Protein backbone atom coordinates (compact mmCIF):
# COMPACT_ATOMS: atom_id res chain seq x y z
CA MET A 1 70.68 160.82 174.81
CA GLU A 2 69.84 158.49 177.67
CA SER A 3 69.03 155.62 175.29
CA GLN A 4 72.30 156.16 173.40
CA SER A 5 74.26 156.05 176.66
CA THR A 6 72.40 152.90 177.72
CA ASP A 7 72.99 151.24 174.35
CA SER A 8 76.71 152.12 174.52
CA ASP A 9 77.00 150.30 177.84
CA LEU A 10 75.05 147.36 176.44
CA ILE A 11 77.37 147.17 173.41
CA ASP A 12 80.39 146.92 175.73
CA ARG A 13 78.71 144.06 177.59
CA ILE A 14 77.81 142.28 174.34
CA TYR A 15 81.52 142.07 173.54
CA GLU A 16 82.25 140.85 177.07
CA CYS A 17 79.97 137.87 176.41
CA GLY A 18 82.51 136.57 173.90
CA PHE A 19 84.92 136.03 176.79
CA VAL A 20 82.54 135.63 179.74
CA PRO A 21 79.55 133.58 178.47
CA GLU A 22 77.88 133.76 181.89
CA LEU A 23 76.90 137.34 180.99
CA TRP A 24 74.60 136.31 178.11
CA PRO A 25 71.32 136.02 180.12
CA GLU A 26 71.74 139.50 181.60
CA VAL A 27 72.66 141.03 178.22
CA LEU A 28 69.68 139.35 176.56
CA ARG A 29 67.39 140.65 179.30
CA ASP A 30 68.51 144.20 178.66
CA THR A 31 68.25 143.69 174.89
CA SER A 32 64.65 142.53 175.27
CA LYS A 33 63.83 145.70 177.22
CA ILE A 34 64.58 147.81 174.12
CA SER A 35 61.50 146.39 172.39
CA ALA A 36 59.60 145.78 175.66
CA SER A 37 59.70 142.08 174.78
CA ALA A 38 58.77 139.28 177.14
CA GLY A 39 62.23 137.78 176.71
CA ALA A 40 65.13 137.09 174.35
CA THR A 41 66.90 133.88 173.34
CA VAL A 42 70.05 133.10 171.34
CA PHE A 43 70.02 129.85 169.33
CA VAL A 44 72.97 128.19 167.57
CA THR A 45 71.85 125.88 164.74
CA ASN A 46 73.65 123.43 162.43
CA PRO A 47 70.97 122.62 161.30
CA ASP A 48 69.40 121.47 164.57
CA VAL A 49 69.62 123.64 167.67
CA THR A 50 73.06 122.72 169.00
CA ALA A 51 73.21 125.32 171.78
CA TRP A 52 71.15 128.13 173.24
CA THR A 53 70.95 130.63 176.08
CA ALA A 54 68.19 132.98 177.16
CA SER A 55 67.27 135.84 179.45
CA LYS A 56 66.27 134.54 182.87
CA ASN A 57 62.57 135.34 182.45
CA SER A 58 62.31 133.27 179.25
CA ARG A 59 64.72 130.43 180.06
CA GLU A 60 62.06 127.80 180.87
CA ILE A 61 60.09 128.73 177.75
CA ALA A 62 63.23 128.48 175.59
CA GLU A 63 64.16 125.13 177.09
CA ARG A 64 60.73 123.66 176.28
CA PHE A 65 60.99 125.19 172.81
CA VAL A 66 64.32 123.43 172.16
CA THR A 67 63.53 120.07 173.73
CA GLY A 68 60.22 119.98 171.87
CA GLY A 69 61.97 120.46 168.54
CA TRP A 70 59.97 123.57 167.63
CA TYR A 71 62.68 125.67 165.98
CA TRP A 72 62.28 124.48 162.38
CA ARG A 73 58.58 123.59 162.52
CA GLY A 74 56.66 125.51 159.88
CA ASP A 75 58.28 128.19 157.71
CA ILE A 76 58.89 131.21 159.93
CA MET A 77 62.47 130.46 161.10
CA SER A 78 63.47 129.28 157.62
CA ARG A 79 62.24 132.58 156.21
CA ILE A 80 64.22 134.54 158.78
CA HIS A 81 67.43 132.67 157.87
CA LYS A 82 66.81 132.91 154.13
CA THR A 83 66.20 136.67 154.12
CA ARG A 84 69.87 137.31 155.03
CA HIS A 85 68.62 140.66 156.29
CA LEU A 86 71.38 142.54 158.14
CA GLY A 87 69.08 143.55 160.94
CA PHE A 88 66.09 142.43 162.97
CA VAL A 89 62.93 141.48 161.13
CA ARG A 90 59.42 141.22 162.57
CA ASP A 91 57.23 138.20 161.92
CA LEU A 92 54.64 140.49 160.32
CA ASP A 93 57.30 141.64 157.83
CA LEU A 94 57.52 138.06 156.55
CA CYS A 95 54.02 136.68 157.02
CA THR A 96 50.43 137.88 157.15
CA GLU A 97 48.47 137.48 160.38
CA ALA A 98 46.54 134.63 158.74
CA GLN A 99 49.78 132.86 157.84
CA LEU A 100 51.10 133.27 161.38
CA GLU A 101 47.94 131.62 162.70
CA GLU A 102 48.91 128.52 160.70
CA GLU A 103 52.54 128.50 161.86
CA PRO A 104 53.09 125.61 164.34
CA ILE A 105 55.40 127.75 166.53
CA TYR A 106 52.62 130.28 167.03
CA ARG A 107 49.53 128.08 166.84
CA ASP A 108 50.75 125.16 168.95
CA ASN A 109 53.42 126.73 171.14
CA TRP A 110 53.52 130.50 171.69
CA ARG A 111 49.79 131.12 171.65
CA LYS A 112 49.27 128.58 174.44
CA ILE A 113 51.61 130.46 176.77
CA GLY A 114 50.48 133.98 175.93
CA LEU A 115 53.16 134.95 173.40
CA TRP A 116 51.89 136.47 170.17
CA TRP A 117 54.47 138.48 168.23
CA GLY A 118 58.14 138.07 167.47
CA ALA A 119 61.23 139.68 165.96
CA ALA A 120 64.51 137.97 165.11
CA THR A 121 67.80 138.13 163.24
CA ALA A 122 70.11 135.38 161.90
CA ILE A 123 73.93 135.53 161.69
CA GLY A 124 76.28 133.09 159.90
CA LEU A 125 79.40 131.76 161.67
CA PRO A 126 82.76 130.58 160.23
CA THR A 127 82.09 127.14 161.77
CA GLY A 128 79.20 126.63 159.33
CA GLU A 129 76.61 127.21 162.03
CA ALA A 130 74.15 130.08 162.36
CA VAL A 131 73.20 132.21 165.34
CA SER A 132 69.71 133.64 165.72
CA ILE A 133 68.41 136.09 168.30
CA VAL A 134 64.67 135.80 168.90
CA LEU A 135 62.49 138.24 170.89
CA SER A 136 58.84 137.62 171.79
CA ARG A 137 55.95 139.87 172.84
CA THR A 138 52.52 139.21 174.33
CA ALA A 139 49.19 139.70 172.56
CA ALA A 140 48.44 142.86 174.56
CA GLN A 141 51.77 144.42 173.58
CA GLY A 142 51.26 144.03 169.85
CA PRO A 143 54.13 143.90 167.32
CA ALA A 144 57.37 145.76 168.09
CA GLY A 145 57.45 149.32 166.78
CA ALA A 146 59.77 150.70 164.10
CA ASP A 147 61.79 152.73 166.64
CA ALA A 148 62.52 149.61 168.71
CA ILE A 149 63.58 147.63 165.63
CA GLN A 150 65.86 150.49 164.58
CA ARG A 151 67.59 150.45 167.99
CA LEU A 152 67.94 146.67 167.83
CA ASP A 153 69.46 147.02 164.37
CA THR A 154 72.24 149.20 165.80
CA LEU A 155 73.10 146.33 168.17
CA ARG A 156 73.01 143.61 165.53
CA PRO A 157 76.55 144.22 164.11
CA HIS A 158 77.98 143.96 167.64
CA PHE A 159 76.17 140.68 168.28
CA ALA A 160 77.50 139.43 164.92
CA ARG A 161 81.11 140.42 165.67
CA THR A 162 80.94 138.86 169.13
CA ALA A 163 79.57 135.60 167.74
CA VAL A 164 82.17 135.40 164.96
CA LEU A 165 85.05 136.35 167.25
CA ALA A 166 83.98 133.81 169.88
CA ALA A 167 83.69 131.07 167.26
CA ARG A 168 87.11 131.90 165.77
CA LEU A 169 88.68 132.03 169.22
CA HIS A 170 87.31 128.61 169.95
CA LEU A 171 88.64 127.23 166.66
CA ALA A 172 92.05 128.68 167.53
CA ARG A 173 91.94 126.92 170.90
CA ALA A 174 91.05 123.65 169.20
CA GLU A 175 93.96 124.05 166.77
CA ALA A 176 96.34 124.84 169.64
CA ALA A 177 95.20 121.71 171.47
CA SER A 178 95.87 119.48 168.44
CA GLN A 179 99.32 120.99 167.90
CA THR A 180 100.22 120.61 171.57
CA LEU A 181 99.39 116.91 171.33
CA ALA A 182 101.54 116.68 168.19
CA ALA A 183 104.45 118.13 170.17
CA LEU A 184 103.97 115.27 172.62
CA GLY A 185 104.10 112.79 169.76
CA LEU A 186 100.36 112.10 169.74
CA ALA A 187 98.33 111.90 166.55
CA ALA A 188 95.11 113.71 167.40
CA MET A 189 92.09 115.66 166.17
CA VAL A 190 89.43 117.78 167.88
CA LEU A 191 85.81 116.85 167.05
CA ASP A 192 82.44 118.35 167.79
CA ASP A 193 79.56 116.20 169.02
CA CYS A 194 78.34 115.70 165.45
CA GLY A 195 81.68 114.22 164.36
CA LYS A 196 82.92 117.28 162.47
CA VAL A 197 86.70 117.83 162.67
CA LEU A 198 87.50 121.28 164.05
CA ALA A 199 91.29 120.79 164.11
CA ALA A 200 93.76 117.99 163.31
CA ASN A 201 97.53 117.73 163.52
CA SER A 202 99.80 116.41 160.78
CA LEU A 203 100.49 113.17 162.66
CA ILE A 204 96.90 112.00 162.36
CA GLU A 205 96.50 113.45 158.86
CA ASN A 206 99.32 111.15 157.74
CA LEU A 207 97.59 107.99 159.05
CA VAL A 208 95.92 107.39 155.69
CA ASN A 209 95.43 103.68 156.32
CA HIS A 210 93.50 104.42 159.51
CA VAL A 211 91.55 107.62 158.77
CA HIS A 212 89.53 108.41 155.64
CA TRP A 213 88.73 112.10 155.16
CA ARG A 214 85.27 112.90 153.82
CA ALA A 215 83.53 116.03 152.61
CA GLY A 216 82.50 118.70 155.09
CA ASP A 217 85.42 118.11 157.49
CA ARG A 218 84.14 114.66 158.37
CA ILE A 219 86.19 111.53 158.90
CA LYS A 220 85.54 107.82 158.86
CA LEU A 221 87.87 105.25 160.38
CA MET A 222 88.90 102.61 157.84
CA ASP A 223 88.27 99.97 160.49
CA GLY A 224 84.47 99.70 160.40
CA GLN A 225 84.09 98.35 163.94
CA ALA A 226 86.34 101.10 165.31
CA ASP A 227 84.35 103.73 163.40
CA ASP A 228 81.11 102.50 164.98
CA LEU A 229 82.72 102.76 168.42
CA LEU A 230 83.95 106.30 167.70
CA VAL A 231 80.45 107.40 166.65
CA GLU A 232 78.99 105.78 169.77
CA ALA A 233 81.57 107.44 172.04
CA LEU A 234 80.86 110.89 170.58
CA ALA A 235 77.11 110.35 170.95
CA ARG A 236 77.54 109.38 174.59
CA ILE A 237 79.66 112.45 175.27
CA ALA A 238 77.00 114.65 173.65
CA ARG A 239 74.44 113.10 176.03
CA ASN A 240 76.76 113.56 179.05
CA ASP A 241 76.67 109.77 179.38
CA ASN A 242 79.83 108.51 181.08
CA GLY A 243 79.28 104.90 180.05
CA GLY A 244 80.34 102.99 176.96
CA VAL A 245 83.60 102.39 175.18
CA ARG A 246 85.97 105.35 175.04
CA SER A 247 89.11 103.45 173.96
CA PHE A 248 89.26 100.74 171.33
CA PRO A 249 91.50 99.00 168.79
CA VAL A 250 91.87 100.64 165.37
CA ARG A 251 93.29 98.47 162.59
CA ASP A 252 95.44 99.52 159.66
CA ALA A 253 93.38 98.93 156.51
CA MET A 254 96.38 97.48 154.64
CA THR A 255 98.44 95.58 157.22
CA ASP A 256 95.85 94.90 159.97
CA ALA A 257 98.34 96.36 162.47
CA LEU A 258 96.77 97.82 165.59
CA MET A 259 96.67 101.27 167.15
CA VAL A 260 94.65 102.40 170.16
CA GLY A 261 91.94 105.00 169.59
CA HIS A 262 91.20 107.03 172.71
CA VAL A 263 88.30 109.51 172.95
CA VAL A 264 88.85 112.22 175.57
CA PRO A 265 85.80 114.40 176.45
CA ILE A 266 86.18 118.19 176.46
CA ARG A 267 83.98 120.11 178.88
CA PHE A 268 83.30 123.83 178.72
CA SER A 269 81.12 126.31 180.55
CA ALA A 270 77.45 125.38 180.14
CA ARG A 271 76.80 128.95 179.01
CA ASP A 272 79.55 128.97 176.35
CA ILE A 273 77.22 128.57 173.37
CA PHE A 274 80.04 128.85 170.81
CA ALA A 275 82.17 126.07 172.33
CA ARG A 276 81.58 123.36 169.77
CA SER A 277 84.40 120.98 170.67
CA SER A 278 83.17 117.75 172.18
CA ALA A 279 86.21 115.48 172.26
CA VAL A 280 89.81 114.91 171.33
CA PHE A 281 90.40 111.69 169.40
CA ILE A 282 93.93 110.32 169.86
CA LEU A 283 95.54 107.41 168.03
CA MET A 284 98.30 105.79 170.08
CA PRO A 285 100.83 103.30 168.67
CA VAL A 286 101.00 99.62 169.52
CA THR A 287 104.53 98.25 169.65
CA ALA A 288 106.21 94.97 170.51
CA PRO A 289 104.39 92.60 172.90
CA SER A 290 104.73 93.42 176.59
CA SER A 291 102.54 93.44 179.65
CA PRO A 292 101.28 97.00 180.23
CA PRO A 293 100.97 98.42 183.76
CA VAL A 294 97.60 97.92 185.43
CA GLU A 295 97.22 101.69 185.89
CA LEU A 296 97.62 102.29 182.15
CA VAL A 297 95.07 99.63 181.22
CA MET A 298 92.57 101.02 183.74
CA SER A 299 92.96 104.62 182.61
CA LEU A 300 92.64 103.85 178.91
CA PHE A 301 89.64 101.56 179.04
CA ASP A 302 87.80 102.49 182.27
CA LEU A 303 88.27 98.97 183.60
CA THR A 304 87.74 97.98 187.21
CA PRO A 305 90.91 96.90 189.07
CA ALA A 306 89.89 93.24 188.72
CA GLU A 307 89.18 93.62 185.00
CA ALA A 308 92.50 95.40 184.50
CA ARG A 309 94.39 92.55 186.19
CA VAL A 310 92.59 90.04 183.98
CA ALA A 311 93.33 92.08 180.85
CA ARG A 312 96.99 92.38 181.82
CA GLY A 313 97.13 88.65 182.47
CA LEU A 314 95.63 87.87 179.07
CA ALA A 315 98.25 90.14 177.47
CA ALA A 316 100.91 88.14 179.31
CA GLY A 317 99.55 84.91 177.80
CA LYS A 318 97.83 83.46 180.87
CA THR A 319 94.77 81.22 180.66
CA VAL A 320 91.47 81.67 182.49
CA ASN A 321 92.36 78.90 184.96
CA GLU A 322 95.76 80.44 185.66
CA LEU A 323 94.19 83.84 186.28
CA ALA A 324 91.62 82.27 188.60
CA GLY A 325 94.42 80.69 190.63
CA ASP A 326 96.47 83.88 190.72
CA ASN A 327 93.53 85.99 191.92
CA GLY A 328 91.91 83.44 194.26
CA VAL A 329 88.58 83.37 192.41
CA SER A 330 86.64 80.82 190.38
CA PRO A 331 87.14 80.39 186.61
CA ASN A 332 83.51 81.53 186.13
CA THR A 333 84.31 84.82 187.90
CA VAL A 334 87.28 85.33 185.58
CA ARG A 335 85.09 84.60 182.55
CA VAL A 336 82.64 87.31 183.69
CA GLN A 337 85.58 89.70 184.04
CA VAL A 338 86.84 88.71 180.59
CA ARG A 339 83.43 89.56 179.11
CA GLY A 340 83.67 92.96 180.80
CA VAL A 341 87.12 93.48 179.30
CA LEU A 342 85.88 92.53 175.82
CA GLU A 343 82.95 94.93 176.04
CA LYS A 344 84.96 97.90 177.32
CA THR A 345 87.87 97.46 174.92
CA GLY A 346 85.62 96.90 171.91
CA CYS A 347 87.19 93.49 171.23
CA GLN A 348 85.32 90.36 170.16
CA ARG A 349 87.88 87.71 171.13
CA GLN A 350 90.49 87.19 173.82
CA THR A 351 93.17 87.13 171.13
CA ASP A 352 92.11 90.65 170.14
CA VAL A 353 92.69 91.77 173.73
CA VAL A 354 96.15 90.17 173.66
CA ASN A 355 96.99 91.96 170.40
CA LEU A 356 95.60 95.26 171.64
CA LEU A 357 97.21 95.34 175.07
CA GLY A 358 100.30 93.38 174.20
CA GLY A 359 102.13 96.42 172.91
CA LEU A 360 100.69 99.56 174.43
CA SER A 361 103.55 102.02 174.45
CA VAL A 362 103.79 105.03 176.70
CA VAL A 363 104.52 107.98 174.44
CA ARG A 364 107.89 109.68 174.93
CA GLY A 365 108.73 107.56 177.94
CA GLU A 366 106.05 109.04 180.19
CA SER A 367 105.03 107.00 183.22
CA ALA A 368 101.69 105.21 183.23
CA GLN A 369 100.38 107.68 185.80
CA ASP A 370 101.03 110.57 183.39
CA VAL A 371 99.10 109.10 180.46
């Protein structure tokens, strides 16, 4: 009776993790106690490990496991995923002891830190990813017993529902974000850090001369240079790298007309392992030539104040010498600033900067400070 009462409380807390991801380490700790395991870890894979969290006592081990790329080495994790077993399965249920000795995870990783036996389950998600829960035991403990596996199996459906509900909730949030931007007149889509589209509004879906839709909810910008910059921006966001181009010109494949692509990072709780959104990609219109406000140019392209003034001057048709005179600096200083503008805007020539900035419109009459 005591174990049933304890498991009932644990089930309630498993569901809480879907809304409060900070609870995962504590819930995994208590889950590992059921099988007297050394620790428990949740992995999200697609196909690489895209996110993970672990009980406190196994967090360092799990981190080394992920950074070392151990998850798919050998056959053991592939076998666990392929079984599609609706419960926990022990390593000895899939492999002989001799086979485990040849598994890289065991031979080259676990054995060296005193871990010997494991049990795991794999769960599919509507996002196309999979969640696995892995428990490990020491050599002295031996494999988990049948009673422990049976208790873990009663928890497995609750872990599965929590994972699926959390993933669907996140997809709903992504869809709501894209529709909110549509209401503001912005063509936008929500992407994960691998470039998969999680949500897109009708405004961006209609830009068929700018965006090419590919299989598997992937997109490619028709402008090859812009597509390279989008891929680079997403990769930098995935690495938490604040550098690089985040806004760039995107040309119409038929007319060569320009729009501005702007990549906006999305940040979530570090423990929210089902939060797959990485960025919102917005395409903003370019209208008739004008000289955009310095604040707008700075915010869109992460320019320094000096670079923004130079960019604005170029958009107004001024030469390098004129800008040098206006700003009280040498022409060489302006040329250095121009190179900075070219790099950050993704342009190759000054005329591209003029075309790009010459018609930046502020959507729905918002002020530059609101963009």
